[in-house]
Amino acid sequence: MKTSSAESIGSCHAGSDSLPTIVAGPILRHVSAEKIVVWLVTSSEQAIKLQCFQSDQCLAKAEFSSEHEGYVKLGTRAHLHLLQLSPDTPLPQDEWLSYDIGVGESGNEQWLSQTIPDLCYNDQKRPDFMIKSRIDHVLHGSCRKPHHDDRDGLLAVDEALAAARQPSAKRSEQPALLMMSGDQIYADDVAGPMLSGIQQVVDLLGLCEEKIEGIDINICSGDLPNHQHNLYGRNKLLPNTEANNTLRETFFMGSKKPVFTSVNSDNHLISLGEILGMYLLVWSPALWQYLSLEQTKVPAKHIERYNAELESINNFVDGLAGVRRALAHVPVYMIFDDHDVTDDWNLNRLWEVTAYNNPFSKRIIGNALIGYLLCQGWGNAPQNFSPDLIGQVREALDDDSPEHQDAVIAQLMALRKWHYIVDTTPKLVVLDTRTQRWWSEQSQEAPSGLMDEEALAELQEVLLDEESVILVSPAPIFGVKLIEVVQRIFTWFGHALTVDAENWMGHRQAAHKILDIFKNPRTPHHFVILSGDVHYSFTYDVRLRRNKEDPLIWQITSSGVMSTFPPRLLRVFDRLNRFLFAGYSPLNWLTRRRAMYIRPRRPIYEEGRYRHQRLLNGNGIGRVRLDESGKPTVIESLQVNNKQPVAFEEGYHLDWL
């Protein structure tokens, strides 16, 4: 049931006996001629059927017992399923297909038209999709904060998919995939109403409990809702020390937190149950009708803030039916960035040493990593995660032993398989720029390289002799130079955490290694780099000075889905960047990218509207259309408040940044 106001959420508190069959999903994850992967969470432990159709002809089907290999029990009334369907003969490509999911015993199944009547477009009976033989059309974006004060950028995906299903639409209008390149949730920046809803979901679904060491005295996660610092006070619970008394305290009034550096950490998620509850609420509208967001436990000094956040959360909930519909109709790939776990995750060596030597902070980070595995990472590339690892996660959820959970967390933190490759044309290569960091040799407070030497060597091997590639780097490889300079200045004074000083050029060895990959004559002729992270959007055409024809590189950044950069500050950065690093500025000789020509594109949708801008602010989703060689033919942003896409058009001058 869709909710549309604070009153409707607050008045629809229902019992767990009336829970919907599917409480989150289905989300279509990986698709190929050989396999279909679908993610969903049901409210009861039941047998499931997955079927694939062309028109009304069933091409493939699979049955899953109540405890199949893709099953994980999240709680007494929450059962996660990663369904994998492998047909006997390859599925057709570039044709409309559909799938259906039946929950229940054979002959008494509830199919999607019964469990989620509003899931499909145009009164179709089943969600439809297409397996593209070539990636010709990609949607991409990052940074989705539910309490942002504007519409959800994923609604632009819903609108694009609806347009692709109009009778006059060509098949090329259906995207080959949606790439979500980081910060799909904000575990470290949570609105008060969202935290209240999450904790109600934990109770409603009986999500896993755990013993937590480090909060005053050792308590169970179920005690958190009644803790005096539960709402708007969690920065008093999180580990803190005098070691982090930096400019952050002066400028942003943040607490002394060496690990949890977000200035909005006062509702930081702690328990695994809270992490899982967050995912269930941001992917689906199904559970919101069971929540009461009345101000019953809000500290008096935070009531005004709570009411403002509640208005934003209600707007977010209004769009969730469209978001769920969109995620069911296009293959969705994901990769983490810092906010999926916590702000400044692994930013430098000091952060890592501090975080992982503190059992409490290690548990919080590990819980977020377990949540990412189950709700994002597993569906990207199921083969990367062994049945033994999933089995241990399953056992840890069933057992409230801290030792068992800590053992699983230790395994996940040591895992080097979060990155993945999708064998498409062009090949899709998704980078893990968070867990394979290259520590600085200068200082443990200096920013780490986003990938270490071993990971970058492996990347180069993957790219050898490819004609073209789509490279997904959560942080832009070629960013805004002025902002990188500001980050370097703060780093020089020992305050890297203050400005989130992490970029590809911030670590000398990592920067030279990634740039050498582009210079290697055996690496692809066409590089399309998709990025997010920065909360604004831009496009650069990048060429080597010594050879402007090969390789051809496009840095395409789309951020955020629901997050923006401070508008006035962004305009200042944009203007100063164009002035200080103009085409023939001598400052360019001081950059690590001096061997590259970089031409920024202008965002334009009305004549003259963005004549002097290069950086685009606003909620939306990026769209890239590619020709047969893998070269972008259209680069644009589908902004939720604009009727027409904002196109990134090629500039007239070759600016060397």
Foldseek 3Di string as FASTA:
>chain_A
DFDFDLVLLQPLADALVPAFQWLFDQFWADDFQFKTKTKTKGQAQFKKKKFKFQPNHTQFIDIAGSDHLQWFDQFHGIIIGTDMTGGPGGDDALGKMFMWMFTHDPPPTDICCRRPVLQDAPNDPTFIAGQHQAQFKEWEFEAFEQLFQDAFQLLLLLVQVNVCPDPVHDSSSGGQFYEYEACLDQLQAHAQLLLQQLLVVCVRSRGFKAWAPQFVHIDIPNCLVVDPQQGQRCLVRADFDPPQPDCCCVPLVAGRHLAFLDSRRSNRDAALSSLLSSLSVQQALRCSSNHRSDPPPDPPVCPVVNVSSSVSNSSSSNCNSSNSSSSRHHHYAYAYDASLQHPCQPFFQSNVVVQVVDRRSLNSSLSSLLSCCSRHQCSNPVVLADSVLVVLSSVCRVDNDPVSSVVSSVVSLPDPRSWDWDPHHVIETEDQQRRAWAHAPPDRLFTTASHHPVRLVVVLVVQFQRAEYEYEDQAWQDDQVVLLVVLLVCVVVSRNSSSVNYYNQRHPVSNVSVVVSQVDPRGYLEYEYEYEPPQWWWKKWKAFPVDRRGRTYMGTYHDHSRGHDPVVVVVVSFVVSCVCQFAPHPVLVVGPCVRMFIFIFFWDDDVPPGPSGGIGHAHHMWMFGADSSRHTPWTWTSHPPDPDTTTGHTDDDTGGD
